[in-house]
C-alpha cells in the first residue's frame, strides 16, 4: 500500500511540475509539428503538454486511491473479452 501511494505521488508531482514548467520544456526540446498542426498554431505544443500533465495528475491520483486497476480493466475490457471466447 505504501508503494502504491509513493508511486502515485511521484506520478502526480512529475505531471504537476510539467504543467507548471511547460514553457521551459518547450524552449529546451522545441515544438511538436503534429501538435502545432492539429491543436492550433503557436500554442498547440503548450496545449498538448498541459493535457498530458492533467492526464498524468489524474492517473497519479487514481494510483494513490487504488482506482487505476478497475479503470484500466474497464478501458481495455473490449479488447480482453475476445480472449475468453475459446475457453
PDB file of N, CA and C in Angstrom:
ATOM      1  N   UNK A   1       0.827  -1.190   0.000  1.00  0.00           N
ATOM      2  CA  UNK A   1       0.000   0.000   0.000  1.00  0.00           C
ATOM      3  C   UNK A   1       0.868   1.250   0.000  1.00  0.00           C
ATOM      4  N   UNK A   2       1.950   1.226   0.782  1.00  0.00           N
ATOM      5  CA  UNK A   2       2.828   2.391   0.823  1.00  0.00           C
ATOM      6  C   UNK A   2       3.494   2.624  -0.534  1.00  0.00           C
ATOM      7  N   UNK A   3       3.866   1.532  -1.224  1.00  0.00           N
ATOM      8  CA  UNK A   3       4.482   1.659  -2.548  1.00  0.00           C
ATOM      9  C   UNK A   3       3.526   2.302  -3.542  1.00  0.00           C
ATOM     10  N   UNK A   4       2.264   1.880  -3.501  1.00  0.00           N
ATOM     11  CA  UNK A   4       1.262   2.439  -4.402  1.00  0.00           C
ATOM     12  C   UNK A   4       1.095   3.929  -4.162  1.00  0.00           C
ATOM     13  N   UNK A   5       1.043   4.329  -2.911  1.00  0.00           N
ATOM     14  CA  UNK A   5       0.885   5.748  -2.580  1.00  0.00           C
ATOM     15  C   UNK A   5       2.106   6.535  -3.023  1.00  0.00           C
ATOM     16  N   UNK A   6       3.284   5.983  -2.793  1.00  0.00           N
ATOM     17  CA  UNK A   6       4.514   6.671  -3.182  1.00  0.00           C
ATOM     18  C   UNK A   6       4.611   6.822  -4.699  1.00  0.00           C
ATOM     19  N   UNK A   7       4.291   5.782  -5.438  1.00  0.00           N
ATOM     20  CA  UNK A   7       4.331   5.838  -6.898  1.00  0.00           C
ATOM     21  C   UNK A   7       3.297   6.839  -7.417  1.00  0.00           C
ATOM     22  N   UNK A   8       2.113   6.846  -6.843  1.00  0.00           N
ATOM     23  CA  UNK A   8       1.084   7.795  -7.260  1.00  0.00           C
ATOM     24  C   UNK A   8       1.488   9.231  -7.002  1.00  0.00           C
ATOM     25  N   UNK A   9       2.120   9.480  -5.859  1.00  0.00           N
ATOM     26  CA  UNK A   9       2.583  10.830  -5.548  1.00  0.00           C
ATOM     27  C   UNK A   9       3.672  11.257  -6.526  1.00  0.00           C
ATOM     28  N   UNK A  10       4.585  10.357  -6.842  1.00  0.00           N
ATOM     29  CA  UNK A  10       5.658  10.680  -7.787  1.00  0.00           C
ATOM     30  C   UNK A  10       5.076  11.012  -9.160  1.00  0.00           C
ATOM     31  N   UNK A  11       4.123  10.224  -9.644  1.00  0.00           N
ATOM     32  CA  UNK A  11       3.490  10.483 -10.936  1.00  0.00           C
ATOM     33  C   UNK A  11       2.793  11.836 -10.919  1.00  0.00           C
ATOM     34  N   UNK A  12       2.023  12.116  -9.877  1.00  0.00           N
ATOM     35  CA  UNK A  12       1.284  13.370  -9.791  1.00  0.00           C
ATOM     36  C   UNK A  12       2.227  14.573  -9.687  1.00  0.00           C
ATOM     37  N   UNK A  13       3.307  14.442  -8.939  1.00  0.00           N
ATOM     38  CA  UNK A  13       4.244  15.562  -8.785  1.00  0.00           C
ATOM     39  C   UNK A  13       4.976  15.838 -10.093  1.00  0.00           C
ATOM     40  N   UNK A  14       5.415  14.797 -10.790  1.00  0.00           N
ATOM     41  CA  UNK A  14       6.083  14.998 -12.072  1.00  0.00           C
ATOM     42  C   UNK A  14       5.133  15.662 -13.071  1.00  0.00           C
ATOM     43  N   UNK A  15       3.894  15.217 -13.100  1.00  0.00           N
ATOM     44  CA  UNK A  15       2.918  15.820 -14.003  1.00  0.00           C
ATOM     45  C   UNK A  15       2.629  17.267 -13.618  1.00  0.00           C
ATOM     46  N   UNK A  16       2.579  17.562 -12.330  1.00  0.00           N
ATOM     47  CA  UNK A  16       2.335  18.926 -11.875  1.00  0.00           C
ATOM     48  C   UNK A  16       3.498  19.843 -12.243  1.00  0.00           C
ATOM     49  N   UNK A  17       4.729  19.366 -12.091  1.00  0.00           N
ATOM     50  CA  UNK A  17       5.896  20.163 -12.481  1.00  0.00           C
ATOM     51  C   UNK A  17       5.897  20.392 -13.988  1.00  0.00           C
ATOM     52  N   UNK A  18       5.529  19.380 -14.763  1.00  0.00           N
ATOM     53  CA  UNK A  18       5.414  19.541 -16.207  1.00  0.00           C
ATOM     54  C   UNK A  18       4.352  20.578 -16.557  1.00  0.00           C
ATOM     55  N   UNK A  19       3.274  20.593 -15.803  1.00  0.00           N
ATOM     56  CA  UNK A  19       2.220  21.575 -16.032  1.00  0.00           C
ATOM     57  C   UNK A  19       2.710  22.988 -15.750  1.00  0.00           C
ATOM     58  N   UNK A  20       3.489  23.155 -14.695  1.00  0.00           N
ATOM     59  CA  UNK A  20       3.988  24.481 -14.340  1.00  0.00           C
ATOM     60  C   UNK A  20       5.135  24.953 -15.227  1.00  0.00           C
ATOM     61  N   UNK A  21       5.990  24.038 -15.630  1.00  0.00           N
ATOM     62  CA  UNK A  21       7.211  24.397 -16.360  1.00  0.00           C
ATOM     63  C   UNK A  21       7.152  23.995 -17.827  1.00  0.00           C
ATOM     64  N   UNK A  22       5.995  24.030 -18.451  1.00  0.00           N
ATOM     65  CA  UNK A  22       5.905  23.595 -19.835  1.00  0.00           C
ATOM     66  C   UNK A  22       6.613  24.559 -20.797  1.00  0.00           C
ATOM     67  N   UNK A  23       6.650  25.837 -20.487  1.00  0.00           N
ATOM     68  CA  UNK A  23       7.354  26.789 -21.350  1.00  0.00           C
ATOM     69  C   UNK A  23       8.852  26.506 -21.351  1.00  0.00           C
ATOM     70  N   UNK A  24       9.422  26.196 -20.198  1.00  0.00           N
ATOM     71  CA  UNK A  24      10.833  25.843 -20.120  1.00  0.00           C
ATOM     72  C   UNK A  24      11.121  24.590 -20.943  1.00  0.00           C
ATOM     73  N   UNK A  25      10.246  23.589 -20.848  1.00  0.00           N
ATOM     74  CA  UNK A  25      10.432  22.358 -21.586  1.00  0.00           C
ATOM     75  C   UNK A  25      10.361  22.604 -23.087  1.00  0.00           C
ATOM     76  N   UNK A  26       9.458  23.452 -23.519  1.00  0.00           N
ATOM     77  CA  UNK A  26       9.348  23.767 -24.947  1.00  0.00           C
ATOM     78  C   UNK A  26      10.613  24.461 -25.431  1.00  0.00           C
ATOM     79  N   UNK A  27      11.169  25.362 -24.632  1.00  0.00           N
ATOM     80  CA  UNK A  27      12.411  26.034 -25.017  1.00  0.00           C
ATOM     81  C   UNK A  27      13.577  25.055 -25.087  1.00  0.00           C
ATOM     82  N   UNK A  28      13.586  24.034 -24.244  1.00  0.00           N
ATOM     83  CA  UNK A  28      14.682  23.064 -24.232  1.00  0.00           C
ATOM     84  C   UNK A  28      14.556  22.052 -25.365  1.00  0.00           C
ATOM     85  N   UNK A  29      13.340  21.584 -25.623  1.00  0.00           N
ATOM     86  CA  UNK A  29      13.117  20.493 -26.565  1.00  0.00           C
ATOM     87  C   UNK A  29      12.642  20.991 -27.927  1.00  0.00           C
ATOM     88  N   UNK A  30      11.844  22.029 -27.948  1.00  0.00           N
ATOM     89  CA  UNK A  30      11.268  22.525 -29.191  1.00  0.00           C
ATOM     90  C   UNK A  30       9.795  22.172 -29.288  1.00  0.00           C
ATOM     91  N   UNK A  31       9.186  22.622 -30.355  1.00  0.00           N
ATOM     92  CA  UNK A  31       7.758  22.386 -30.530  1.00  0.00           C
ATOM     93  C   UNK A  31       7.512  21.095 -31.298  1.00  0.00           C
ATOM     94  N   UNK A  32       6.304  20.621 -31.206  1.00  0.00           N
ATOM     95  CA  UNK A  32       5.880  19.420 -31.918  1.00  0.00           C
ATOM     96  C   UNK A  32       5.099  19.839 -33.152  1.00  0.00           C
ATOM     97  N   UNK A  33       5.544  19.397 -34.317  1.00  0.00           N
ATOM     98  CA  UNK A  33       4.868  19.773 -35.564  1.00  0.00           C
ATOM     99  C   UNK A  33       3.437  19.232 -35.586  1.00  0.00           C
ATOM    100  N   UNK A  34       3.252  18.007 -35.083  1.00  0.00           N
ATOM    101  CA  UNK A  34       1.918  17.422 -35.070  1.00  0.00           C
ATOM    102  C   UNK A  34       0.967  18.239 -34.193  1.00  0.00           C
ATOM    103  N   UNK A  35       1.433  18.613 -33.014  1.00  0.00           N
ATOM    104  CA  UNK A  35       0.592  19.373 -32.086  1.00  0.00           C
ATOM    105  C   UNK A  35       0.290  20.752 -32.647  1.00  0.00           C
ATOM    106  N   UNK A  36       1.255  21.384 -33.278  1.00  0.00           N
ATOM    107  CA  UNK A  36       1.019  22.708 -33.856  1.00  0.00           C
ATOM    108  C   UNK A  36       0.025  22.624 -35.003  1.00  0.00           C
ATOM    109  N   UNK A  37       0.060  21.541 -35.762  1.00  0.00           N
ATOM    110  CA  UNK A  37      -0.850  21.397 -36.899  1.00  0.00           C
ATOM    111  C   UNK A  37      -2.287  21.107 -36.455  1.00  0.00           C
ATOM    112  N   UNK A  38      -2.431  20.196 -35.506  1.00  0.00           N
ATOM    113  CA  UNK A  38      -3.775  19.738 -35.150  1.00  0.00           C
ATOM    114  C   UNK A  38      -4.374  20.396 -33.912  1.00  0.00           C
ATOM    115  N   UNK A  39      -3.560  20.995 -33.059  1.00  0.00           N
ATOM    116  CA  UNK A  39      -4.086  21.597 -31.835  1.00  0.00           C
ATOM    117  C   UNK A  39      -4.002  23.123 -31.842  1.00  0.00           C
ATOM    118  N   UNK A  40      -3.579  23.713 -32.933  1.00  0.00           N
ATOM    119  CA  UNK A  40      -3.521  25.161 -33.026  1.00  0.00           C
ATOM    120  C   UNK A  40      -2.111  25.656 -33.242  1.00  0.00           C
ATOM    121  N   UNK A  41      -1.991  26.713 -34.011  1.00  0.00           N
ATOM    122  CA  UNK A  41      -0.662  27.240 -34.308  1.00  0.00           C
ATOM    123  C   UNK A  41      -0.162  28.096 -33.146  1.00  0.00           C
ATOM    124  N   UNK A  42       1.143  28.036 -32.911  1.00  0.00           N
ATOM    125  CA  UNK A  42       1.799  28.800 -31.838  1.00  0.00           C
ATOM    126  C   UNK A  42       1.151  28.580 -30.479  1.00  0.00           C
ATOM    127  N   UNK A  43       0.783  27.392 -30.191  1.00  0.00           N
ATOM    128  CA  UNK A  43       0.205  27.089 -28.890  1.00  0.00           C
ATOM    129  C   UNK A  43      -0.240  25.648 -28.787  1.00  0.00           C
ATOM    130  N   UNK A  44      -0.133  24.912 -29.876  1.00  0.00           N
ATOM    131  CA  UNK A  44      -0.559  23.518 -29.869  1.00  0.00           C
ATOM    132  C   UNK A  44       0.311  22.643 -28.987  1.00  0.00           C
ATOM    133  N   UNK A  45       1.610  22.915 -28.985  1.00  0.00           N
ATOM    134  CA  UNK A  45       2.514  22.143 -28.146  1.00  0.00           C
ATOM    135  C   UNK A  45       2.237  22.417 -26.680  1.00  0.00           C
ATOM    136  N   UNK A  46       1.968  23.664 -26.346  1.00  0.00           N
ATOM    137  CA  UNK A  46       1.641  24.009 -24.960  1.00  0.00           C
ATOM    138  C   UNK A  46       0.359  23.305 -24.519  1.00  0.00           C
ATOM    139  N   UNK A  47      -0.641  23.312 -25.382  1.00  0.00           N
ATOM    140  CA  UNK A  47      -1.904  22.643 -25.071  1.00  0.00           C
ATOM    141  C   UNK A  47      -1.700  21.147 -24.900  1.00  0.00           C
ATOM    142  N   UNK A  48      -0.907  20.538 -25.785  1.00  0.00           N
ATOM    143  CA  UNK A  48      -0.650  19.109 -25.685  1.00  0.00           C
ATOM    144  C   UNK A  48       0.049  18.767 -24.365  1.00  0.00           C
ATOM    145  N   UNK A  49       1.047  19.556 -23.983  1.00  0.00           N
ATOM    146  CA  UNK A  49       1.743  19.303 -22.726  1.00  0.00           C
ATOM    147  C   UNK A  49       0.822  19.483 -21.527  1.00  0.00           C
ATOM    148  N   UNK A  50      -0.053  20.466 -21.584  1.00  0.00           N
ATOM    149  CA  UNK A  50      -0.986  20.666 -20.473  1.00  0.00           C
ATOM    150  C   UNK A  50      -1.992  19.531 -20.377  1.00  0.00           C
ATOM    151  N   UNK A  51      -2.469  19.035 -21.517  1.00  0.00           N
ATOM    152  CA  UNK A  51      -3.400  17.904 -21.499  1.00  0.00           C
ATOM    153  C   UNK A  51      -2.719  16.646 -20.957  1.00  0.00           C
ATOM    154  N   UNK A  52      -1.468  16.405 -21.382  1.00  0.00           N
ATOM    155  CA  UNK A  52      -0.723  15.256 -20.871  1.00  0.00           C
ATOM    156  C   UNK A  52      -0.492  15.399 -19.369  1.00  0.00           C
ATOM    157  N   UNK A  53      -0.202  16.614 -18.922  1.00  0.00           N
ATOM    158  CA  UNK A  53       0.036  16.852 -17.493  1.00  0.00           C
ATOM    159  C   UNK A  53      -1.219  16.599 -16.664  1.00  0.00           C
ATOM    160  N   UNK A  54      -2.344  17.106 -17.118  1.00  0.00           N
ATOM    161  CA  UNK A  54      -3.596  16.897 -16.381  1.00  0.00           C
ATOM    162  C   UNK A  54      -3.945  15.408 -16.352  1.00  0.00           C
ATOM    163  N   UNK A  55      -3.736  14.724 -17.464  1.00  0.00           N
ATOM    164  CA  UNK A  55      -3.975  13.284 -17.501  1.00  0.00           C
ATOM    165  C   UNK A  55      -3.045  12.562 -16.533  1.00  0.00           C
ATOM    166  N   UNK A  56      -1.790  13.002 -16.458  1.00  0.00           N
ATOM    167  CA  UNK A  56      -0.838  12.407 -15.515  1.00  0.00           C
ATOM    168  C   UNK A  56      -1.241  12.626 -14.073  1.00  0.00           C
ATOM    169  N   UNK A  57      -1.742  13.812 -13.764  1.00  0.00           N
ATOM    170  CA  UNK A  57      -2.209  14.088 -12.399  1.00  0.00           C
ATOM    171  C   UNK A  57      -3.393  13.193 -12.054  1.00  0.00           C
ATOM    172  N   UNK A  58      -4.310  13.035 -12.993  1.00  0.00           N
ATOM    173  CA  UNK A  58      -5.478  12.179 -12.750  1.00  0.00           C
ATOM    174  C   UNK A  58      -5.041  10.730 -12.550  1.00  0.00           C
ATOM    175  N   UNK A  59      -4.122  10.249 -13.380  1.00  0.00           N
ATOM    176  CA  UNK A  59      -3.633   8.876 -13.228  1.00  0.00           C
ATOM    177  C   UNK A  59      -2.900   8.711 -11.905  1.00  0.00           C
ATOM    178  N   UNK A  60      -2.100   9.708 -11.521  1.00  0.00           N
ATOM    179  CA  UNK A  60      -1.409   9.639 -10.234  1.00  0.00           C
ATOM    180  C   UNK A  60      -2.377   9.550  -9.069  1.00  0.00           C
ATOM    181  N   UNK A  61      -3.448  10.332  -9.118  1.00  0.00           N
ATOM    182  CA  UNK A  61      -4.453  10.276  -8.050  1.00  0.00           C
ATOM    183  C   UNK A  61      -5.196   8.946  -8.054  1.00  0.00           C
ATOM    184  N   UNK A  62      -5.411   8.391  -9.249  1.00  0.00           N
ATOM    185  CA  UNK A  62      -6.053   7.085  -9.321  1.00  0.00           C
ATOM    186  C   UNK A  62      -5.164   5.994  -8.742  1.00  0.00           C
ATOM    187  N   UNK A  63      -3.855   6.102  -8.952  1.00  0.00           N
ATOM    188  CA  UNK A  63      -2.921   5.125  -8.378  1.00  0.00           C
ATOM    189  C   UNK A  63      -2.921   5.237  -6.858  1.00  0.00           C
ATOM    190  N   UNK A  64      -2.931   6.474  -6.340  1.00  0.00           N
ATOM    191  CA  UNK A  64      -2.946   6.661  -4.889  1.00  0.00           C
ATOM    192  C   UNK A  64      -4.177   6.020  -4.266  1.00  0.00           C
ATOM    193  N   UNK A  65      -5.340   6.215  -4.892  1.00  0.00           N
ATOM    194  CA  UNK A  65      -6.578   5.699  -4.318  1.00  0.00           C
ATOM    195  C   UNK A  65      -6.845   4.240  -4.672  1.00  0.00           C
ATOM    196  N   UNK A  66      -6.069   3.689  -5.594  1.00  0.00           N
ATOM    197  CA  UNK A  66      -6.263   2.296  -5.982  1.00  0.00           C
ATOM    198  C   UNK A  66      -7.318   2.089  -7.046  1.00  0.00           C
ATOM    199  N   UNK A  67      -7.787   3.128  -7.666  1.00  0.00           N
ATOM    200  CA  UNK A  67      -8.824   3.002  -8.691  1.00  0.00           C
ATOM    201  C   UNK A  67      -8.262   2.692 -10.074  1.00  0.00           C
ATOM    202  N   UNK A  68      -6.959   2.728 -10.227  1.00  0.00           N
ATOM    203  CA  UNK A  68      -6.360   2.547 -11.545  1.00  0.00           C
ATOM    204  C   UNK A  68      -6.605   1.152 -12.110  1.00  0.00           C
ATOM    205  N   UNK A  69      -6.618   0.146 -11.280  1.00  0.00           N
ATOM    206  CA  UNK A  69      -6.808  -1.216 -11.770  1.00  0.00           C
ATOM    207  C   UNK A  69      -8.204  -1.375 -12.365  1.00  0.00           C
ATOM    208  N   UNK A  70      -9.212  -0.945 -11.642  1.00  0.00           N
ATOM    209  CA  UNK A  70     -10.590  -1.057 -12.135  1.00  0.00           C
ATOM    210  C   UNK A  70     -10.795  -0.194 -13.374  1.00  0.00           C
ATOM    211  N   UNK A  71     -10.188   0.975 -13.403  1.00  0.00           N
ATOM    212  CA  UNK A  71     -10.339   1.866 -14.553  1.00  0.00           C
ATOM    213  C   UNK A  71      -9.718   1.249 -15.799  1.00  0.00           C
ATOM    214  N   UNK A  72      -8.496   0.725 -15.682  1.00  0.00           N
ATOM    215  CA  UNK A  72      -7.853   0.138 -16.848  1.00  0.00           C
ATOM    216  C   UNK A  72      -8.526  -1.150 -17.282  1.00  0.00           C
ATOM    217  N   UNK A  73      -9.093  -1.907 -16.349  1.00  0.00           N
ATOM    218  CA  UNK A  73      -9.884  -3.078 -16.736  1.00  0.00           C
ATOM    219  C   UNK A  73     -11.102  -2.646 -17.535  1.00  0.00           C
ATOM    220  N   UNK A  74     -11.738  -1.553 -17.115  1.00  0.00           N
ATOM    221  CA  UNK A  74     -12.910  -1.049 -17.823  1.00  0.00           C
ATOM    222  C   UNK A  74     -12.525  -0.536 -19.207  1.00  0.00           C
ATOM    223  N   UNK A  75     -11.411   0.189 -19.305  1.00  0.00           N
ATOM    224  CA  UNK A  75     -10.985   0.752 -20.586  1.00  0.00           C
ATOM    225  C   UNK A  75     -10.624  -0.353 -21.574  1.00  0.00           C
ATOM    226  N   UNK A  76      -9.894  -1.354 -21.125  1.00  0.00           N
ATOM    227  CA  UNK A  76      -9.423  -2.406 -22.017  1.00  0.00           C
ATOM    228  C   UNK A  76     -10.336  -3.628 -22.062  1.00  0.00           C
ATOM    229  N   UNK A  77     -11.505  -3.570 -21.453  1.00  0.00           N
ATOM    230  CA  UNK A  77     -12.422  -4.707 -21.467  1.00  0.00           C
ATOM    231  C   UNK A  77     -12.890  -5.083 -22.872  1.00  0.00           C
ATOM    232  N   UNK A  78     -13.096  -4.154 -23.795  1.00  0.00           N
ATOM    233  CA  UNK A  78     -13.460  -4.603 -25.148  1.00  0.00           C
ATOM    234  C   UNK A  78     -12.374  -5.445 -25.812  1.00  0.00           C
ATOM    235  N   UNK A  79     -11.121  -5.217 -25.470  1.00  0.00           N
ATOM    236  CA  UNK A  79     -10.037  -5.997 -26.057  1.00  0.00           C
ATOM    237  C   UNK A  79      -9.856  -7.329 -25.379  1.00  0.00           C
ATOM    238  N   UNK A  80     -10.096  -7.399 -24.082  1.00  0.00           N
ATOM    239  CA  UNK A  80      -9.852  -8.640 -23.351  1.00  0.00           C
ATOM    240  C   UNK A  80     -11.022  -9.602 -23.375  1.00  0.00           C
ATOM    241  N   UNK A  81     -12.200  -9.155 -23.707  1.00  0.00           N
ATOM    242  CA  UNK A  81     -13.347 -10.068 -23.687  1.00  0.00           C
ATOM    243  C   UNK A  81     -13.273 -11.078 -24.820  1.00  0.00           C
ATOM    244  N   UNK A  82     -12.559 -10.763 -25.909  1.00  0.00           N
ATOM    245  CA  UNK A  82     -12.418 -11.707 -27.006  1.00  0.00           C
ATOM    246  C   UNK A  82     -11.420 -12.802 -26.670  1.00  0.00           C
ATOM    247  N   UNK A  83     -10.605 -12.569 -25.668  1.00  0.00           N
ATOM    248  CA  UNK A  83      -9.613 -13.553 -25.251  1.00  0.00           C
ATOM    249  C   UNK A  83     -10.258 -14.769 -24.617  1.00  0.00           C
ATOM    250  N   UNK A  84     -11.455 -14.636 -24.051  1.00  0.00           N
ATOM    251  CA  UNK A  84     -12.099 -15.737 -23.324  1.00  0.00           C
ATOM    252  C   UNK A  84     -13.070 -16.513 -24.199  1.00  0.00           C
ATOM    253  N   UNK A  85     -13.159 -16.238 -25.497  1.00  0.00           N
ATOM    254  CA  UNK A  85     -14.117 -16.950 -26.346  1.00  0.00           C
ATOM    255  C   UNK A  85     -13.753 -18.426 -26.507  1.00  0.00           C
ATOM    256  N   UNK A  86     -12.479 -18.753 -26.528  1.00  0.00           N
ATOM    257  CA  UNK A  86     -12.071 -20.128 -26.707  1.00  0.00           C
ATOM    258  C   UNK A  86     -12.210 -20.968 -25.428  1.00  0.00           C
ATOM    259  N   UNK A  87     -12.393 -20.351 -24.300  1.00  0.00           N
ATOM    260  CA  UNK A  87     -12.433 -21.091 -23.030  1.00  0.00           C
ATOM    261  C   UNK A  87     -13.786 -21.674 -22.754  1.00  0.00           C
TER     262      UNK A  87
END
